[in-house]
């Protein structure tokens, strides 16, 4: 039925860094436009994302992409190294991708506000591929090499381990235990013949 087709929202959900790279590469031509939401559902759910995606697709023809944070290391490296103005520490961010450029001006996530921003950011004439406004758009950096992906993915995993509270607690407990052991040894040596 036509009402079911209208209600069905086509949202791309890349499963790995290759699919994410392909989506970013697809915006080279003038016809491909992506609205990407990176969202941590546990910290800050956006319950009306489907409404935003439906509104944007119906009125502007922009394809919606959803990335569930926290991202796997390879996807995180691909996204945040190629689009350096994005902030990995926030729980929700939305940006528009077009002509190998991206714009991160979304702060109001209501469907109408997002649609208005897209109307402002995207040129109306898509046949000639007009240039984007320089002050609102930033170029997507080149894809990472395989060696860069290995290095940055390892670094990403290492940073996660460094900030894991369980390891910090074990380190503090071990440090206190070593200090207590040293104090007890020197206290015991103080009364022995070794002190004379």
C-alpha atoms as a PDB file:
ATOM      1  CA  UNK A   1       0.000   0.000   0.000  1.00  0.00           C
ATOM      2  CA  UNK A   2       1.108   3.558  -0.635  1.00  0.00           C
ATOM      3  CA  UNK A   3       0.854   4.519   3.035  1.00  0.00           C
ATOM      4  CA  UNK A   4       3.330   1.767   4.000  1.00  0.00           C
ATOM      5  CA  UNK A   5       5.731   2.930   1.282  1.00  0.00           C
ATOM      6  CA  UNK A   6       5.456   6.479   2.604  1.00  0.00           C
ATOM      7  CA  UNK A   7       6.077   5.335   6.167  1.00  0.00           C
ATOM      8  CA  UNK A   8       9.062   3.138   5.274  1.00  0.00           C
ATOM      9  CA  UNK A   9      12.269   5.046   5.840  1.00  0.00           C
ATOM     10  CA  UNK A  10      15.382   4.084   3.884  1.00  0.00           C
ATOM     11  CA  UNK A  11      18.290   4.671   6.248  1.00  0.00           C
ATOM     12  CA  UNK A  12      21.769   3.447   5.333  1.00  0.00           C
ATOM     13  CA  UNK A  13      23.590   1.790   8.231  1.00  0.00           C
ATOM     14  CA  UNK A  14      27.200   0.982   7.293  1.00  0.00           C
ATOM     15  CA  UNK A  15      28.489  -2.122   9.061  1.00  0.00           C
ATOM     16  CA  UNK A  16      32.243  -1.603   8.595  1.00  0.00           C
ATOM     17  CA  UNK A  17      34.818   0.980   7.564  1.00  0.00           C
ATOM     18  CA  UNK A  18      34.734  -0.114   3.889  1.00  0.00           C
ATOM     19  CA  UNK A  19      31.003   0.598   3.638  1.00  0.00           C
ATOM     20  CA  UNK A  20      31.524   3.936   5.410  1.00  0.00           C
ATOM     21  CA  UNK A  21      34.350   4.838   3.015  1.00  0.00           C
ATOM     22  CA  UNK A  22      32.154   3.900   0.039  1.00  0.00           C
ATOM     23  CA  UNK A  23      29.372   6.158   1.309  1.00  0.00           C
ATOM     24  CA  UNK A  24      31.788   9.068   1.730  1.00  0.00           C
ATOM     25  CA  UNK A  25      33.218   8.429  -1.758  1.00  0.00           C
ATOM     26  CA  UNK A  26      29.729   8.342  -3.282  1.00  0.00           C
ATOM     27  CA  UNK A  27      29.280  12.060  -2.619  1.00  0.00           C
ATOM     28  CA  UNK A  28      31.799  13.074  -5.290  1.00  0.00           C
ATOM     29  CA  UNK A  29      29.023  13.605  -7.821  1.00  0.00           C
ATOM     30  CA  UNK A  30      26.381  16.305  -7.465  1.00  0.00           C
ATOM     31  CA  UNK A  31      23.403  14.034  -7.018  1.00  0.00           C
ATOM     32  CA  UNK A  32      24.548  12.215  -3.858  1.00  0.00           C
ATOM     33  CA  UNK A  33      23.735  13.991  -0.600  1.00  0.00           C
ATOM     34  CA  UNK A  34      23.944  12.377   2.831  1.00  0.00           C
ATOM     35  CA  UNK A  35      22.593  13.407   6.212  1.00  0.00           C
ATOM     36  CA  UNK A  36      24.651  11.473   8.773  1.00  0.00           C
ATOM     37  CA  UNK A  37      23.735  11.009  12.425  1.00  0.00           C
ATOM     38  CA  UNK A  38      26.358   9.628  14.816  1.00  0.00           C
ATOM     39  CA  UNK A  39      24.462   8.854  18.005  1.00  0.00           C
ATOM     40  CA  UNK A  40      25.002   6.972  21.245  1.00  0.00           C
ATOM     41  CA  UNK A  41      21.527   5.597  21.980  1.00  0.00           C
ATOM     42  CA  UNK A  42      22.444   4.708  25.576  1.00  0.00           C
ATOM     43  CA  UNK A  43      23.527   8.224  26.568  1.00  0.00           C
ATOM     44  CA  UNK A  44      21.265  10.455  24.475  1.00  0.00           C
ATOM     45  CA  UNK A  45      18.570   8.672  22.467  1.00  0.00           C
ATOM     46  CA  UNK A  46      17.004  10.501  19.525  1.00  0.00           C
ATOM     47  CA  UNK A  47      13.623   8.832  19.360  1.00  0.00           C
ATOM     48  CA  UNK A  48      12.393  10.736  16.318  1.00  0.00           C
ATOM     49  CA  UNK A  49      15.356  10.028  13.989  1.00  0.00           C
ATOM     50  CA  UNK A  50      13.048   8.144  11.609  1.00  0.00           C
ATOM     51  CA  UNK A  51      10.846  11.247  11.360  1.00  0.00           C
ATOM     52  CA  UNK A  52      13.870  13.404  10.549  1.00  0.00           C
ATOM     53  CA  UNK A  53      15.061  10.910   7.921  1.00  0.00           C
ATOM     54  CA  UNK A  54      11.590  10.691   6.359  1.00  0.00           C
ATOM     55  CA  UNK A  55      11.118  14.481   6.264  1.00  0.00           C
ATOM     56  CA  UNK A  56      14.561  15.114   4.815  1.00  0.00           C
ATOM     57  CA  UNK A  57      14.170  12.445   2.137  1.00  0.00           C
ATOM     58  CA  UNK A  58      10.667  13.537   1.130  1.00  0.00           C
ATOM     59  CA  UNK A  59      11.420  17.253   0.826  1.00  0.00           C
ATOM     60  CA  UNK A  60      15.080  17.385  -0.197  1.00  0.00           C
ATOM     61  CA  UNK A  61      15.994  13.938  -1.561  1.00  0.00           C
ATOM     62  CA  UNK A  62      18.870  13.586   0.899  1.00  0.00           C
ATOM     63  CA  UNK A  63      19.748  10.023   1.948  1.00  0.00           C
ATOM     64  CA  UNK A  64      19.992   9.418   5.689  1.00  0.00           C
ATOM     65  CA  UNK A  65      22.853   7.473   7.270  1.00  0.00           C
ATOM     66  CA  UNK A  66      22.902   6.248  10.872  1.00  0.00           C
ATOM     67  CA  UNK A  67      26.055   5.373  12.824  1.00  0.00           C
ATOM     68  CA  UNK A  68      25.607   3.919  16.300  1.00  0.00           C
ATOM     69  CA  UNK A  69      28.263   5.174  18.714  1.00  0.00           C
ATOM     70  CA  UNK A  70      30.620   4.055  20.116  1.00  0.00           C
ATOM     71  CA  UNK A  71      31.942   3.006  16.721  1.00  0.00           C
ATOM     72  CA  UNK A  72      34.359   0.113  16.152  1.00  0.00           C
ATOM     73  CA  UNK A  73      37.988   1.266  15.953  1.00  0.00           C
ATOM     74  CA  UNK A  74      38.320   1.092  12.146  1.00  0.00           C
ATOM     75  CA  UNK A  75      35.049   2.964  11.542  1.00  0.00           C
ATOM     76  CA  UNK A  76      35.933   5.561  14.163  1.00  0.00           C
ATOM     77  CA  UNK A  77      39.344   6.140  12.593  1.00  0.00           C
ATOM     78  CA  UNK A  78      37.819   6.399   9.108  1.00  0.00           C
ATOM     79  CA  UNK A  79      35.202   8.917  10.213  1.00  0.00           C
ATOM     80  CA  UNK A  80      37.189  11.127  12.567  1.00  0.00           C
ATOM     81  CA  UNK A  81      40.442  11.207  10.569  1.00  0.00           C
ATOM     82  CA  UNK A  82      38.731  11.991   7.255  1.00  0.00           C
ATOM     83  CA  UNK A  83      36.311  14.505   8.807  1.00  0.00           C
ATOM     84  CA  UNK A  84      38.547  16.110  11.453  1.00  0.00           C
ATOM     85  CA  UNK A  85      36.073  18.760  12.650  1.00  0.00           C
ATOM     86  CA  UNK A  86      33.810  16.089  14.115  1.00  0.00           C
ATOM     87  CA  UNK A  87      34.136  15.521  17.850  1.00  0.00           C
ATOM     88  CA  UNK A  88      34.263  11.912  19.008  1.00  0.00           C
ATOM     89  CA  UNK A  89      33.532  12.831  22.628  1.00  0.00           C
ATOM     90  CA  UNK A  90      29.972  14.140  22.071  1.00  0.00           C
ATOM     91  CA  UNK A  91      27.136  11.666  22.278  1.00  0.00           C
ATOM     92  CA  UNK A  92      25.223  12.997  19.245  1.00  0.00           C
ATOM     93  CA  UNK A  93      26.200  14.895  16.116  1.00  0.00           C
ATOM     94  CA  UNK A  94      24.604  15.379  12.752  1.00  0.00           C
ATOM     95  CA  UNK A  95      26.288  16.573   9.587  1.00  0.00           C
ATOM     96  CA  UNK A  96      25.591  16.913   5.887  1.00  0.00           C
ATOM     97  CA  UNK A  97      27.881  15.416   3.205  1.00  0.00           C
ATOM     98  CA  UNK A  98      27.856  16.622  -0.426  1.00  0.00           C
ATOM     99  CA  UNK A  99      30.478  17.014  -3.198  1.00  0.00           C
ATOM    100  CA  UNK A 100      33.239  15.483  -1.018  1.00  0.00           C
ATOM    101  CA  UNK A 101      32.595  18.150   1.620  1.00  0.00           C
ATOM    102  CA  UNK A 102      30.801  18.186   4.941  1.00  0.00           C
ATOM    103  CA  UNK A 103      29.025  20.733   7.116  1.00  0.00           C
ATOM    104  CA  UNK A 104      28.569  20.388  10.875  1.00  0.00           C
ATOM    105  CA  UNK A 105      26.153  23.187  11.659  1.00  0.00           C
ATOM    106  CA  UNK A 106      23.285  21.175  13.124  1.00  0.00           C
ATOM    107  CA  UNK A 107      22.466  21.936  16.752  1.00  0.00           C
ATOM    108  CA  UNK A 108      18.675  21.726  16.685  1.00  0.00           C
ATOM    109  CA  UNK A 109      17.570  18.188  15.854  1.00  0.00           C
ATOM    110  CA  UNK A 110      13.875  18.757  15.156  1.00  0.00           C
ATOM    111  CA  UNK A 111      12.740  17.623  11.688  1.00  0.00           C
ATOM    112  CA  UNK A 112      11.738  21.132  10.602  1.00  0.00           C
ATOM    113  CA  UNK A 113      15.013  22.725  11.775  1.00  0.00           C
ATOM    114  CA  UNK A 114      17.118  20.074  10.012  1.00  0.00           C
ATOM    115  CA  UNK A 115      15.109  20.516   6.812  1.00  0.00           C
ATOM    116  CA  UNK A 116      15.596  24.324   6.977  1.00  0.00           C
ATOM    117  CA  UNK A 117      19.367  23.928   7.429  1.00  0.00           C
ATOM    118  CA  UNK A 118      19.545  21.596   4.453  1.00  0.00           C
ATOM    119  CA  UNK A 119      17.629  24.138   2.359  1.00  0.00           C
ATOM    120  CA  UNK A 120      20.153  26.818   3.357  1.00  0.00           C
ATOM    121  CA  UNK A 121      23.263  24.665   2.883  1.00  0.00           C
ATOM    122  CA  UNK A 122      22.493  22.874  -0.377  1.00  0.00           C
ATOM    123  CA  UNK A 123      22.335  24.714  -3.694  1.00  0.00           C
ATOM    124  CA  UNK A 124      18.962  24.490  -5.428  1.00  0.00           C
ATOM    125  CA  UNK A 125      20.386  23.840  -8.891  1.00  0.00           C
ATOM    126  CA  UNK A 126      21.859  20.333  -9.019  1.00  0.00           C
ATOM    127  CA  UNK A 127      22.266  20.103 -12.809  1.00  0.00           C
ATOM    128  CA  UNK A 128      25.356  22.311 -13.087  1.00  0.00           C
ATOM    129  CA  UNK A 129      26.913  21.244  -9.794  1.00  0.00           C
ATOM    130  CA  UNK A 130      27.341  24.756  -8.383  1.00  0.00           C
ATOM    131  CA  UNK A 131      30.094  25.340  -5.820  1.00  0.00           C
ATOM    132  CA  UNK A 132      29.232  25.150  -2.142  1.00  0.00           C
ATOM    133  CA  UNK A 133      29.604  28.130   0.189  1.00  0.00           C
ATOM    134  CA  UNK A 134      33.197  28.086   1.445  1.00  0.00           C
ATOM    135  CA  UNK A 135      32.412  29.301   4.949  1.00  0.00           C
ATOM    136  CA  UNK A 136      29.973  26.483   5.730  1.00  0.00           C
ATOM    137  CA  UNK A 137      31.620  23.469   4.082  1.00  0.00           C
ATOM    138  CA  UNK A 138      34.881  21.627   4.762  1.00  0.00           C
ATOM    139  CA  UNK A 139      36.636  19.168   2.459  1.00  0.00           C
ATOM    140  CA  UNK A 140      36.678  15.487   3.336  1.00  0.00           C
ATOM    141  CA  UNK A 141      40.285  14.322   3.600  1.00  0.00           C
ATOM    142  CA  UNK A 142      41.668  11.550   1.401  1.00  0.00           C
ATOM    143  CA  UNK A 143      41.077   7.905   2.374  1.00  0.00           C
ATOM    144  CA  UNK A 144      43.624   6.419   4.746  1.00  0.00           C
ATOM    145  CA  UNK A 145      46.157   3.885   3.535  1.00  0.00           C
ATOM    146  CA  UNK A 146      46.146   0.360   4.941  1.00  0.00           C
ATOM    147  CA  UNK A 147      49.195   1.123   7.091  1.00  0.00           C
ATOM    148  CA  UNK A 148      47.552   4.274   8.476  1.00  0.00           C
ATOM    149  CA  UNK A 149      44.396   2.291   9.270  1.00  0.00           C
ATOM    150  CA  UNK A 150      46.397  -0.320  11.205  1.00  0.00           C
ATOM    151  CA  UNK A 151      48.342   2.328  13.138  1.00  0.00           C
ATOM    152  CA  UNK A 152      45.390   4.588  13.990  1.00  0.00           C
ATOM    153  CA  UNK A 153      43.104   1.645  14.855  1.00  0.00           C
ATOM    154  CA  UNK A 154      45.728   0.314  17.270  1.00  0.00           C
ATOM    155  CA  UNK A 155      46.173   3.775  18.753  1.00  0.00           C
ATOM    156  CA  UNK A 156      42.384   4.114  19.142  1.00  0.00           C
ATOM    157  CA  UNK A 157      42.188   0.792  21.003  1.00  0.00           C
ATOM    158  CA  UNK A 158      45.139   1.778  23.200  1.00  0.00           C
ATOM    159  CA  UNK A 159      43.495   5.066  24.210  1.00  0.00           C
ATOM    160  CA  UNK A 160      40.331   3.155  25.143  1.00  0.00           C
ATOM    161  CA  UNK A 161      42.389   0.830  27.357  1.00  0.00           C
ATOM    162  CA  UNK A 162      44.173   3.772  29.001  1.00  0.00           C
ATOM    163  CA  UNK A 163      40.859   5.305  29.995  1.00  0.00           C
ATOM    164  CA  UNK A 164      39.315   2.064  31.236  1.00  0.00           C
ATOM    165  CA  UNK A 165      38.512   2.662  34.918  1.00  0.00           C
ATOM    166  CA  UNK A 166      39.100  -0.959  35.889  1.00  0.00           C
ATOM    167  CA  UNK A 167      42.770  -0.720  34.897  1.00  0.00           C
ATOM    168  CA  UNK A 168      43.186   2.579  36.732  1.00  0.00           C
ATOM    169  CA  UNK A 169      41.707   1.018  39.884  1.00  0.00           C
ATOM    170  CA  UNK A 170      44.027  -2.004  39.642  1.00  0.00           C
ATOM    171  CA  UNK A 171      47.014   0.321  39.187  1.00  0.00           C
ATOM    172  CA  UNK A 172      46.116   2.425  42.214  1.00  0.00           C
ATOM    173  CA  UNK A 173      45.498  -0.653  44.370  1.00  0.00           C
ATOM    174  CA  UNK A 174      48.817  -2.177  43.297  1.00  0.00           C
ATOM    175  CA  UNK A 175      50.659   1.080  44.006  1.00  0.00           C
ATOM    176  CA  UNK A 176      49.194   1.357  47.506  1.00  0.00           C
ATOM    177  CA  UNK A 177      50.066  -2.303  48.195  1.00  0.00           C
ATOM    178  CA  UNK A 178      53.706  -1.773  47.172  1.00  0.00           C
ATOM    179  CA  UNK A 179      54.007   1.297  49.408  1.00  0.00           C
ATOM    180  CA  UNK A 180      52.451  -0.579  52.359  1.00  0.00           C
ATOM    181  CA  UNK A 181      54.852  -3.485  51.804  1.00  0.00           C
ATOM    182  CA  UNK A 182      57.857  -1.140  51.728  1.00  0.00           C
ATOM    183  CA  UNK A 183      56.763   0.572  54.947  1.00  0.00           C
ATOM    184  CA  UNK A 184      56.266  -2.757  56.730  1.00  0.00           C
ATOM    185  CA  UNK A 185      59.686  -4.028  55.606  1.00  0.00           C
ATOM    186  CA  UNK A 186      61.514  -0.926  56.804  1.00  0.00           C
ATOM    187  CA  UNK A 187      59.506  -0.931  60.034  1.00  0.00           C
ATOM    188  CA  UNK A 188      60.519  -4.536  60.637  1.00  0.00           C
ATOM    189  CA  UNK A 189      64.169  -3.783  59.845  1.00  0.00           C
ATOM    190  CA  UNK A 190      64.188  -0.866  62.271  1.00  0.00           C
ATOM    191  CA  UNK A 191      63.998  -3.151  65.328  1.00  0.00           C
ATOM    192  CA  UNK A 192      66.362  -5.855  64.047  1.00  0.00           C
ATOM    193  CA  UNK A 193      70.114  -6.317  64.304  1.00  0.00           C
ATOM    194  CA  UNK A 194      70.370  -4.991  60.741  1.00  0.00           C
ATOM    195  CA  UNK A 195      69.687  -1.473  62.062  1.00  0.00           C
ATOM    196  CA  UNK A 196      72.770  -1.592  64.348  1.00  0.00           C
END
